[in-house]
N, C-alpha and C. Protein backbone atom coordinates (compact mmCIF):
# COMPACT_ATOMS: atom_id res chain seq x y z
N MET A 1 20.70 1.26 9.50
CA MET A 1 21.47 0.04 9.72
C MET A 1 22.78 0.39 10.42
N ARG A 2 23.33 1.53 10.04
CA ARG A 2 24.58 1.96 10.68
C ARG A 2 24.35 2.21 12.16
N LYS A 3 23.23 2.88 12.49
CA LYS A 3 22.92 3.18 13.89
C LYS A 3 22.73 1.91 14.71
N ALA A 4 22.17 0.87 14.10
CA ALA A 4 21.95 -0.40 14.80
C ALA A 4 23.18 -1.30 14.78
N GLY A 5 24.24 -0.89 14.08
CA GLY A 5 25.46 -1.68 14.04
C GLY A 5 25.35 -2.89 13.13
N ILE A 6 24.56 -2.77 12.07
CA ILE A 6 24.35 -3.89 11.14
C ILE A 6 25.23 -3.68 9.91
N ASP A 7 25.98 -4.70 9.56
CA ASP A 7 26.81 -4.67 8.36
C ASP A 7 26.02 -5.30 7.22
N PRO A 8 25.57 -4.51 6.23
CA PRO A 8 24.76 -5.06 5.14
C PRO A 8 25.45 -6.18 4.37
N ALA A 9 26.77 -6.16 4.33
CA ALA A 9 27.51 -7.20 3.60
C ALA A 9 27.37 -8.57 4.25
N LYS A 10 27.02 -8.59 5.52
CA LYS A 10 26.89 -9.87 6.22
C LYS A 10 25.48 -10.45 6.16
N ILE A 11 24.56 -9.71 5.57
CA ILE A 11 23.19 -10.21 5.43
C ILE A 11 23.09 -10.96 4.11
N LYS A 12 22.93 -12.25 4.19
CA LYS A 12 22.93 -13.09 2.99
C LYS A 12 21.56 -13.60 2.61
N GLY A 13 20.59 -13.46 3.46
CA GLY A 13 19.25 -13.96 3.17
C GLY A 13 18.44 -14.03 4.43
N SER A 14 17.26 -14.62 4.33
CA SER A 14 16.35 -14.64 5.46
C SER A 14 16.92 -15.39 6.66
N GLU A 15 17.83 -16.35 6.44
CA GLU A 15 18.38 -17.10 7.57
C GLU A 15 19.25 -16.21 8.47
N SER A 16 19.79 -15.12 7.91
CA SER A 16 20.63 -14.25 8.72
C SER A 16 19.84 -13.18 9.47
N TYR A 17 18.57 -12.99 9.14
CA TYR A 17 17.77 -11.98 9.83
C TYR A 17 17.59 -12.30 11.31
N ALA A 18 17.50 -13.56 11.64
CA ALA A 18 17.29 -13.95 13.04
C ALA A 18 18.47 -13.55 13.91
N ARG A 19 19.64 -13.41 13.31
CA ARG A 19 20.84 -13.05 14.08
C ARG A 19 21.06 -11.55 14.19
N LEU A 20 20.20 -10.76 13.54
CA LEU A 20 20.37 -9.32 13.59
C LEU A 20 19.96 -8.77 14.95
N PRO A 21 20.60 -7.67 15.37
CA PRO A 21 20.15 -7.05 16.60
C PRO A 21 18.77 -6.43 16.39
N PRO A 22 17.98 -6.31 17.45
CA PRO A 22 16.64 -5.74 17.29
C PRO A 22 16.73 -4.27 16.84
N LEU A 23 15.80 -3.89 15.97
CA LEU A 23 15.75 -2.51 15.49
C LEU A 23 14.73 -1.72 16.29
N GLU A 24 14.85 -0.41 16.24
CA GLU A 24 13.86 0.44 16.89
C GLU A 24 12.50 0.22 16.24
N PRO A 25 11.42 0.25 17.03
CA PRO A 25 10.09 0.02 16.45
C PRO A 25 9.76 0.97 15.29
N LYS A 26 10.12 2.24 15.41
CA LYS A 26 9.80 3.19 14.33
C LYS A 26 10.50 2.81 13.03
N ALA A 27 11.70 2.28 13.12
CA ALA A 27 12.41 1.84 11.91
C ALA A 27 11.69 0.66 11.28
N VAL A 28 11.17 -0.22 12.10
CA VAL A 28 10.43 -1.38 11.60
C VAL A 28 9.12 -0.91 10.96
N TRP A 29 8.45 0.08 11.58
CA TRP A 29 7.20 0.60 11.02
C TRP A 29 7.42 1.16 9.62
N VAL A 30 8.50 1.91 9.45
CA VAL A 30 8.79 2.50 8.14
C VAL A 30 9.10 1.40 7.13
N ALA A 31 9.87 0.40 7.53
CA ALA A 31 10.19 -0.72 6.63
C ALA A 31 8.93 -1.49 6.26
N ASP A 32 8.06 -1.72 7.24
CA ASP A 32 6.80 -2.42 6.96
C ASP A 32 5.94 -1.61 6.00
N ASN A 33 5.90 -0.28 6.21
CA ASN A 33 5.11 0.57 5.32
C ASN A 33 5.62 0.49 3.89
N TYR A 34 6.92 0.50 3.73
CA TYR A 34 7.50 0.39 2.39
C TYR A 34 7.09 -0.94 1.75
N SER A 35 7.11 -2.01 2.53
CA SER A 35 6.67 -3.31 2.00
C SER A 35 5.20 -3.28 1.61
N HIS A 36 4.38 -2.63 2.42
CA HIS A 36 2.95 -2.57 2.14
C HIS A 36 2.66 -1.80 0.85
N LEU A 37 3.53 -0.88 0.49
CA LEU A 37 3.32 -0.12 -0.74
C LEU A 37 3.58 -0.96 -1.99
N HIS A 38 4.05 -2.19 -1.80
CA HIS A 38 4.26 -3.11 -2.92
C HIS A 38 3.24 -4.23 -2.90
N GLU A 39 2.19 -4.08 -2.13
CA GLU A 39 1.16 -5.12 -2.04
C GLU A 39 -0.12 -4.61 -2.71
N GLN A 40 -1.08 -4.14 -1.93
CA GLN A 40 -2.37 -3.72 -2.49
C GLN A 40 -2.26 -2.61 -3.54
N PRO A 41 -1.39 -1.62 -3.39
CA PRO A 41 -1.32 -0.59 -4.43
C PRO A 41 -0.98 -1.13 -5.82
N VAL A 42 -0.34 -2.27 -5.90
CA VAL A 42 -0.04 -2.84 -7.22
C VAL A 42 -1.34 -3.18 -7.94
N ILE A 43 -2.35 -3.63 -7.21
CA ILE A 43 -3.67 -3.88 -7.80
C ILE A 43 -4.25 -2.56 -8.31
N PHE A 44 -4.07 -1.50 -7.52
CA PHE A 44 -4.54 -0.18 -7.93
C PHE A 44 -3.90 0.24 -9.25
N TYR A 45 -2.60 0.04 -9.38
CA TYR A 45 -1.91 0.44 -10.61
C TYR A 45 -2.49 -0.32 -11.81
N ALA A 46 -2.70 -1.61 -11.64
CA ALA A 46 -3.27 -2.42 -12.72
C ALA A 46 -4.68 -1.94 -13.08
N LEU A 47 -5.48 -1.62 -12.07
CA LEU A 47 -6.83 -1.13 -12.33
C LEU A 47 -6.81 0.21 -13.05
N CYS A 48 -5.85 1.07 -12.71
CA CYS A 48 -5.74 2.36 -13.41
C CYS A 48 -5.42 2.15 -14.89
N VAL A 49 -4.49 1.27 -15.17
CA VAL A 49 -4.13 0.98 -16.56
C VAL A 49 -5.33 0.39 -17.29
N TYR A 50 -6.00 -0.57 -16.65
CA TYR A 50 -7.16 -1.21 -17.26
C TYR A 50 -8.27 -0.18 -17.50
N SER A 51 -8.51 0.68 -16.52
CA SER A 51 -9.54 1.72 -16.67
C SER A 51 -9.27 2.57 -17.92
N HIS A 52 -8.04 2.93 -18.09
CA HIS A 52 -7.68 3.75 -19.25
C HIS A 52 -7.85 2.97 -20.55
N MET A 53 -7.44 1.71 -20.55
CA MET A 53 -7.49 0.91 -21.78
C MET A 53 -8.91 0.65 -22.24
N VAL A 54 -9.85 0.46 -21.31
CA VAL A 54 -11.22 0.13 -21.71
C VAL A 54 -12.14 1.33 -21.69
N GLY A 55 -11.59 2.50 -21.42
CA GLY A 55 -12.39 3.71 -21.50
C GLY A 55 -13.26 4.00 -20.29
N VAL A 56 -12.87 3.51 -19.13
CA VAL A 56 -13.62 3.78 -17.90
C VAL A 56 -12.88 4.82 -17.05
N ALA A 57 -12.01 5.56 -17.70
CA ALA A 57 -11.27 6.60 -16.98
C ALA A 57 -12.12 7.87 -16.95
N ASP A 58 -13.36 7.71 -16.52
CA ASP A 58 -14.27 8.85 -16.43
C ASP A 58 -14.04 9.61 -15.12
N GLY A 59 -14.82 10.63 -14.92
CA GLY A 59 -14.67 11.45 -13.73
C GLY A 59 -14.84 10.68 -12.43
N VAL A 60 -15.73 9.69 -12.44
CA VAL A 60 -15.97 8.91 -11.22
C VAL A 60 -14.75 8.08 -10.88
N ASN A 61 -14.22 7.35 -11.86
CA ASN A 61 -13.04 6.52 -11.58
C ASN A 61 -11.81 7.36 -11.26
N VAL A 62 -11.68 8.50 -11.92
CA VAL A 62 -10.54 9.38 -11.62
C VAL A 62 -10.66 9.90 -10.19
N GLY A 63 -11.87 10.29 -9.79
CA GLY A 63 -12.09 10.74 -8.41
C GLY A 63 -11.82 9.65 -7.40
N LEU A 64 -12.28 8.43 -7.71
CA LEU A 64 -12.04 7.29 -6.82
C LEU A 64 -10.54 7.00 -6.74
N ALA A 65 -9.86 7.11 -7.87
CA ALA A 65 -8.41 6.85 -7.87
C ALA A 65 -7.68 7.86 -6.99
N TRP A 66 -8.03 9.14 -7.11
CA TRP A 66 -7.39 10.14 -6.26
C TRP A 66 -7.75 9.95 -4.79
N ALA A 67 -8.97 9.52 -4.54
CA ALA A 67 -9.37 9.23 -3.15
C ALA A 67 -8.53 8.09 -2.60
N TYR A 68 -8.30 7.06 -3.42
CA TYR A 68 -7.48 5.92 -2.98
C TYR A 68 -6.05 6.39 -2.66
N VAL A 69 -5.49 7.23 -3.54
CA VAL A 69 -4.14 7.74 -3.29
C VAL A 69 -4.09 8.51 -1.98
N ALA A 70 -5.07 9.37 -1.75
CA ALA A 70 -5.11 10.16 -0.51
C ALA A 70 -5.23 9.26 0.71
N ILE A 71 -6.06 8.23 0.61
CA ILE A 71 -6.24 7.30 1.72
C ILE A 71 -4.95 6.54 2.00
N ARG A 72 -4.23 6.15 0.96
CA ARG A 72 -2.95 5.45 1.16
C ARG A 72 -1.91 6.36 1.79
N VAL A 73 -1.94 7.64 1.45
CA VAL A 73 -1.02 8.59 2.08
C VAL A 73 -1.34 8.70 3.57
N VAL A 74 -2.63 8.81 3.88
CA VAL A 74 -3.04 8.86 5.29
C VAL A 74 -2.62 7.57 6.01
N HIS A 75 -2.85 6.42 5.36
CA HIS A 75 -2.46 5.14 5.94
C HIS A 75 -0.96 5.11 6.22
N SER A 76 -0.17 5.60 5.27
CA SER A 76 1.29 5.62 5.46
C SER A 76 1.69 6.50 6.63
N PHE A 77 1.10 7.68 6.71
CA PHE A 77 1.42 8.57 7.83
C PHE A 77 1.04 7.96 9.17
N ILE A 78 -0.11 7.31 9.21
CA ILE A 78 -0.51 6.64 10.46
C ILE A 78 0.51 5.57 10.83
N GLN A 79 0.91 4.78 9.83
CA GLN A 79 1.83 3.67 10.11
C GLN A 79 3.21 4.15 10.53
N ILE A 80 3.73 5.18 9.91
CA ILE A 80 5.09 5.59 10.24
C ILE A 80 5.16 6.53 11.44
N MET A 81 4.03 7.16 11.81
CA MET A 81 4.05 8.10 12.93
C MET A 81 3.65 7.44 14.26
N SER A 82 2.49 6.79 14.27
CA SER A 82 2.02 6.24 15.54
C SER A 82 1.79 4.73 15.48
N ASN A 83 1.51 4.23 14.29
CA ASN A 83 1.19 2.82 14.06
C ASN A 83 0.04 2.35 14.94
N PHE A 84 -0.93 3.25 15.17
CA PHE A 84 -2.13 2.90 15.95
C PHE A 84 -3.00 2.02 15.07
N VAL A 85 -3.00 0.74 15.36
CA VAL A 85 -3.58 -0.26 14.46
C VAL A 85 -5.07 -0.05 14.20
N PRO A 86 -5.92 0.26 15.20
CA PRO A 86 -7.33 0.47 14.86
C PRO A 86 -7.55 1.58 13.83
N LEU A 87 -6.83 2.68 13.95
CA LEU A 87 -6.96 3.77 13.00
C LEU A 87 -6.37 3.39 11.64
N ARG A 88 -5.24 2.71 11.69
CA ARG A 88 -4.61 2.25 10.44
C ARG A 88 -5.51 1.25 9.72
N PHE A 89 -6.16 0.36 10.48
CA PHE A 89 -7.06 -0.61 9.87
C PHE A 89 -8.26 0.08 9.23
N MET A 90 -8.76 1.14 9.88
CA MET A 90 -9.89 1.87 9.31
C MET A 90 -9.48 2.50 7.98
N ALA A 91 -8.30 3.10 7.93
CA ALA A 91 -7.83 3.69 6.67
C ALA A 91 -7.63 2.61 5.61
N PHE A 92 -7.08 1.47 6.01
CA PHE A 92 -6.89 0.36 5.07
C PHE A 92 -8.23 -0.14 4.55
N SER A 93 -9.22 -0.26 5.44
CA SER A 93 -10.54 -0.75 5.04
C SER A 93 -11.22 0.19 4.07
N ILE A 94 -11.14 1.49 4.34
CA ILE A 94 -11.75 2.47 3.44
C ILE A 94 -11.05 2.42 2.07
N GLY A 95 -9.73 2.34 2.08
CA GLY A 95 -8.99 2.22 0.83
C GLY A 95 -9.36 0.96 0.07
N SER A 96 -9.53 -0.14 0.79
CA SER A 96 -9.92 -1.40 0.14
C SER A 96 -11.30 -1.28 -0.49
N LEU A 97 -12.22 -0.60 0.21
CA LEU A 97 -13.56 -0.40 -0.33
C LEU A 97 -13.51 0.43 -1.61
N VAL A 98 -12.73 1.49 -1.61
CA VAL A 98 -12.59 2.32 -2.82
C VAL A 98 -12.01 1.48 -3.95
N LEU A 99 -11.02 0.66 -3.64
CA LEU A 99 -10.41 -0.20 -4.66
C LEU A 99 -11.43 -1.20 -5.21
N MET A 100 -12.28 -1.75 -4.35
CA MET A 100 -13.31 -2.69 -4.80
C MET A 100 -14.34 -2.00 -5.70
N ILE A 101 -14.65 -0.74 -5.39
CA ILE A 101 -15.59 0.00 -6.23
C ILE A 101 -15.00 0.22 -7.62
N ILE A 102 -13.73 0.60 -7.66
CA ILE A 102 -13.06 0.77 -8.96
C ILE A 102 -13.07 -0.54 -9.73
N ALA A 103 -12.75 -1.64 -9.05
CA ALA A 103 -12.74 -2.96 -9.70
C ALA A 103 -14.13 -3.34 -10.20
N ALA A 104 -15.16 -3.06 -9.40
CA ALA A 104 -16.53 -3.39 -9.81
C ALA A 104 -16.95 -2.57 -11.02
N ARG A 105 -16.60 -1.28 -11.03
CA ARG A 105 -16.93 -0.44 -12.19
C ARG A 105 -16.21 -0.93 -13.44
N ASN A 106 -14.96 -1.36 -13.28
CA ASN A 106 -14.22 -1.88 -14.42
C ASN A 106 -14.82 -3.20 -14.89
N GLY A 107 -15.24 -4.04 -13.94
CA GLY A 107 -15.89 -5.30 -14.31
C GLY A 107 -17.20 -5.07 -15.05
N LEU A 108 -17.97 -4.11 -14.59
CA LEU A 108 -19.23 -3.79 -15.29
C LEU A 108 -18.95 -3.28 -16.70
N ALA A 109 -17.89 -2.50 -16.85
CA ALA A 109 -17.54 -1.98 -18.18
C ALA A 109 -17.13 -3.12 -19.11
N LEU A 110 -16.51 -4.15 -18.55
CA LEU A 110 -16.10 -5.30 -19.35
C LEU A 110 -17.30 -5.95 -20.03
N PHE A 111 -18.43 -5.96 -19.32
CA PHE A 111 -19.65 -6.58 -19.85
C PHE A 111 -20.59 -5.54 -20.47
N GLY A 112 -20.11 -4.32 -20.64
CA GLY A 112 -20.89 -3.29 -21.28
C GLY A 112 -22.06 -2.77 -20.46
N LEU A 113 -21.97 -2.91 -19.15
CA LEU A 113 -23.05 -2.44 -18.28
C LEU A 113 -22.77 -1.07 -17.71
């Protein structure tokens, strides 16, 4: 913010964002990545807690959880380094699939299957 000449004390809310000077694209990519880490991964955290509570924290779910973490790290590096959307989307899609598998396994455990 200092490099862009932005005074944080003058930012009062979303209405003042429109008056800010444009930021470098890489700075925006990093900010967007930080925001993304508060979206889908929150579902992952809840699924991890649920898996532990209902006893589905077996080797398969633990492996899937670590795979999801690794995929999110790759996604973050793609976003902050090059932001090549097709590659980033592929990483996001694979991570989403892993998350859906964890959710499905937890759902099956709920019904004792």
